C-alpha cells in the first residue's frame, strides 16, 4: 500500500514587488551567542550612514566627606552600530515600550532627585 502524503504548499513567486513584501516569513531565533550586559548610561554618535550607540555604566568614586570632589567614570561596555533605518525602528519600538511600561507601572521619572523617597 502506498503511503499517503499531505500536499505541501510551495511558495509561489509574487507577481509584483509589493505583493512579495507582504509574504510571511518564518523567523527563527538563534540565542547561542547572545550575551547580556547591564547599562545605566549611553552616548550616541552619527554619520550619514550609521548611528552608533555606546552603552556602559556610570561609576562614582570619592565622597564629599573626604574633602575631594566626587568623580564619575563612564565605563564603556558595548558599541552597537545601526543603519539609520534600523535606528528609527528601534526608536519607535522603544517609545512604544516606554508608553506601555508607564501605563502599567506609572510614569518613569528621569529626575533622580524626584525619584528619591523621603
C-alpha atoms as a PDB file:
ATOM      1  CA  UNK A   1       0.000   0.000   0.000  1.00  0.00           C
ATOM      2  CA  UNK A   2       1.390   3.404  -0.966  1.00  0.00           C
ATOM      3  CA  UNK A   3       1.945   5.949   1.777  1.00  0.00           C
ATOM      4  CA  UNK A   4      -0.383   8.884   1.501  1.00  0.00           C
ATOM      5  CA  UNK A   5       1.311  12.280   1.866  1.00  0.00           C
ATOM      6  CA  UNK A   6      -0.438  15.507   2.608  1.00  0.00           C
ATOM      7  CA  UNK A   7       0.153  18.146  -0.015  1.00  0.00           C
ATOM      8  CA  UNK A   8       2.659  20.817   0.987  1.00  0.00           C
ATOM      9  CA  UNK A   9       2.153  24.370  -0.071  1.00  0.00           C
ATOM     10  CA  UNK A  10       5.058  25.684  -2.064  1.00  0.00           C
ATOM     11  CA  UNK A  11       5.764  29.394  -2.007  1.00  0.00           C
ATOM     12  CA  UNK A  12       4.682  30.999  -5.235  1.00  0.00           C
ATOM     13  CA  UNK A  13       6.643  33.928  -6.625  1.00  0.00           C
ATOM     14  CA  UNK A  14       4.668  37.149  -6.352  1.00  0.00           C
ATOM     15  CA  UNK A  15       3.553  38.899  -9.496  1.00  0.00           C
ATOM     16  CA  UNK A  16       4.629  42.319  -8.258  1.00  0.00           C
ATOM     17  CA  UNK A  17       7.191  43.541  -5.679  1.00  0.00           C
ATOM     18  CA  UNK A  18       4.516  44.934  -3.314  1.00  0.00           C
ATOM     19  CA  UNK A  19       2.902  41.508  -3.018  1.00  0.00           C
ATOM     20  CA  UNK A  20       6.305  39.905  -2.427  1.00  0.00           C
ATOM     21  CA  UNK A  21       6.853  42.203   0.575  1.00  0.00           C
ATOM     22  CA  UNK A  22       3.560  41.049   2.101  1.00  0.00           C
ATOM     23  CA  UNK A  23       4.529  37.375   2.141  1.00  0.00           C
ATOM     24  CA  UNK A  24       5.011  35.957   5.626  1.00  0.00           C
ATOM     25  CA  UNK A  25       8.476  34.895   6.689  1.00  0.00           C
ATOM     26  CA  UNK A  26       9.264  32.359   9.402  1.00  0.00           C
ATOM     27  CA  UNK A  27      11.749  33.909  11.830  1.00  0.00           C
ATOM     28  CA  UNK A  28      13.977  31.614  13.864  1.00  0.00           C
ATOM     29  CA  UNK A  29      15.931  32.985  16.838  1.00  0.00           C
ATOM     30  CA  UNK A  30      19.419  31.661  17.487  1.00  0.00           C
ATOM     31  CA  UNK A  31      20.409  32.674  21.020  1.00  0.00           C
ATOM     32  CA  UNK A  32      23.529  30.522  21.294  1.00  0.00           C
ATOM     33  CA  UNK A  33      25.922  33.501  21.066  1.00  0.00           C
ATOM     34  CA  UNK A  34      23.762  36.012  22.914  1.00  0.00           C
ATOM     35  CA  UNK A  35      25.297  37.989  25.773  1.00  0.00           C
ATOM     36  CA  UNK A  36      23.563  40.097  28.369  1.00  0.00           C
ATOM     37  CA  UNK A  37      25.043  43.358  29.611  1.00  0.00           C
ATOM     38  CA  UNK A  38      23.802  45.983  32.046  1.00  0.00           C
ATOM     39  CA  UNK A  39      23.929  49.683  31.204  1.00  0.00           C
ATOM     40  CA  UNK A  40      22.808  52.740  33.121  1.00  0.00           C
ATOM     41  CA  UNK A  41      24.280  55.207  30.636  1.00  0.00           C
ATOM     42  CA  UNK A  42      24.811  55.630  26.920  1.00  0.00           C
ATOM     43  CA  UNK A  43      26.246  58.044  24.377  1.00  0.00           C
ATOM     44  CA  UNK A  44      25.497  58.394  20.699  1.00  0.00           C
ATOM     45  CA  UNK A  45      27.293  59.425  17.527  1.00  0.00           C
ATOM     46  CA  UNK A  46      26.089  59.598  13.933  1.00  0.00           C
ATOM     47  CA  UNK A  47      27.497  59.644  10.433  1.00  0.00           C
ATOM     48  CA  UNK A  48      25.472  59.872   7.213  1.00  0.00           C
ATOM     49  CA  UNK A  49      25.495  56.049   7.043  1.00  0.00           C
ATOM     50  CA  UNK A  50      25.474  54.913  10.686  1.00  0.00           C
ATOM     51  CA  UNK A  51      24.108  55.515  14.155  1.00  0.00           C
ATOM     52  CA  UNK A  52      26.429  54.390  16.936  1.00  0.00           C
ATOM     53  CA  UNK A  53      25.264  53.819  20.498  1.00  0.00           C
ATOM     54  CA  UNK A  54      27.819  53.139  23.225  1.00  0.00           C
ATOM     55  CA  UNK A  55      26.429  51.522  26.367  1.00  0.00           C
ATOM     56  CA  UNK A  56      28.131  51.447  29.729  1.00  0.00           C
ATOM     57  CA  UNK A  57      27.926  52.026  33.444  1.00  0.00           C
ATOM     58  CA  UNK A  58      28.447  55.286  35.336  1.00  0.00           C
ATOM     59  CA  UNK A  59      30.634  54.627  38.377  1.00  0.00           C
ATOM     60  CA  UNK A  60      31.026  57.285  41.084  1.00  0.00           C
ATOM     61  CA  UNK A  61      34.211  57.339  43.151  1.00  0.00           C
ATOM     62  CA  UNK A  62      35.218  59.592  46.013  1.00  0.00           C
ATOM     63  CA  UNK A  63      32.935  61.043  48.635  1.00  0.00           C
ATOM     64  CA  UNK A  64      32.403  64.688  49.522  1.00  0.00           C
ATOM     65  CA  UNK A  65      33.275  63.957  53.185  1.00  0.00           C
ATOM     66  CA  UNK A  66      36.871  63.110  52.226  1.00  0.00           C
ATOM     67  CA  UNK A  67      37.498  66.667  51.063  1.00  0.00           C
ATOM     68  CA  UNK A  68      37.681  65.813  47.386  1.00  0.00           C
ATOM     69  CA  UNK A  69      35.173  66.235  44.632  1.00  0.00           C
ATOM     70  CA  UNK A  70      33.251  63.092  43.636  1.00  0.00           C
ATOM     71  CA  UNK A  71      34.296  61.775  40.230  1.00  0.00           C
ATOM     72  CA  UNK A  72      32.192  59.848  37.750  1.00  0.00           C
ATOM     73  CA  UNK A  73      33.677  57.422  35.241  1.00  0.00           C
ATOM     74  CA  UNK A  74      31.715  56.127  32.259  1.00  0.00           C
ATOM     75  CA  UNK A  75      32.881  52.537  31.823  1.00  0.00           C
ATOM     76  CA  UNK A  76      32.080  51.634  28.223  1.00  0.00           C
ATOM     77  CA  UNK A  77      30.902  48.095  27.663  1.00  0.00           C
ATOM     78  CA  UNK A  78      29.249  47.737  24.264  1.00  0.00           C
ATOM     79  CA  UNK A  79      29.003  49.653  20.984  1.00  0.00           C
ATOM     80  CA  UNK A  80      26.051  48.933  18.734  1.00  0.00           C
ATOM     81  CA  UNK A  81      26.224  50.280  15.188  1.00  0.00           C
ATOM     82  CA  UNK A  82      22.963  50.580  13.237  1.00  0.00           C
ATOM     83  CA  UNK A  83      21.943  51.930   9.878  1.00  0.00           C
ATOM     84  CA  UNK A  84      19.523  54.886  10.132  1.00  0.00           C
ATOM     85  CA  UNK A  85      16.541  52.728   9.134  1.00  0.00           C
ATOM     86  CA  UNK A  86      17.093  50.231  11.933  1.00  0.00           C
ATOM     87  CA  UNK A  87      17.824  53.065  14.393  1.00  0.00           C
ATOM     88  CA  UNK A  88      14.486  54.697  13.552  1.00  0.00           C
ATOM     89  CA  UNK A  89      12.622  51.395  14.009  1.00  0.00           C
ATOM     90  CA  UNK A  90      14.402  50.945  17.358  1.00  0.00           C
ATOM     91  CA  UNK A  91      13.427  54.479  18.449  1.00  0.00           C
ATOM     92  CA  UNK A  92       9.777  53.831  17.577  1.00  0.00           C
ATOM     93  CA  UNK A  93       9.788  50.476  19.375  1.00  0.00           C
ATOM     94  CA  UNK A  94      11.434  51.954  22.497  1.00  0.00           C
ATOM     95  CA  UNK A  95       8.832  54.746  22.569  1.00  0.00           C
ATOM     96  CA  UNK A  96       6.036  52.171  22.421  1.00  0.00           C
ATOM     97  CA  UNK A  97       7.716  50.070  25.113  1.00  0.00           C
ATOM     98  CA  UNK A  98       8.039  53.035  27.497  1.00  0.00           C
ATOM     99  CA  UNK A  99       4.387  54.051  26.923  1.00  0.00           C
ATOM    100  CA  UNK A 100       3.257  50.507  27.759  1.00  0.00           C
ATOM    101  CA  UNK A 101       5.531  50.384  30.826  1.00  0.00           C
ATOM    102  CA  UNK A 102       4.174  53.706  32.126  1.00  0.00           C
ATOM    103  CA  UNK A 103       0.576  52.608  31.555  1.00  0.00           C
ATOM    104  CA  UNK A 104       1.219  49.512  33.633  1.00  0.00           C
ATOM    105  CA  UNK A 105       3.603  50.824  36.321  1.00  0.00           C
ATOM    106  CA  UNK A 106       3.334  54.629  36.297  1.00  0.00           C
ATOM    107  CA  UNK A 107       5.498  57.421  34.937  1.00  0.00           C
ATOM    108  CA  UNK A 108       9.229  56.851  34.606  1.00  0.00           C
ATOM    109  CA  UNK A 109      10.741  59.881  36.375  1.00  0.00           C
ATOM    110  CA  UNK A 110      14.044  60.953  34.825  1.00  0.00           C
ATOM    111  CA  UNK A 111      14.940  63.454  37.577  1.00  0.00           C
ATOM    112  CA  UNK A 112      16.812  61.354  40.170  1.00  0.00           C
ATOM    113  CA  UNK A 113      16.023  63.910  42.895  1.00  0.00           C
ATOM    114  CA  UNK A 114      12.301  63.438  42.367  1.00  0.00           C
ATOM    115  CA  UNK A 115      12.635  59.632  42.440  1.00  0.00           C
ATOM    116  CA  UNK A 116      14.074  59.589  45.973  1.00  0.00           C
ATOM    117  CA  UNK A 117      11.556  58.592  48.540  1.00  0.00           C
ATOM    118  CA  UNK A 118      11.828  60.865  51.580  1.00  0.00           C
END
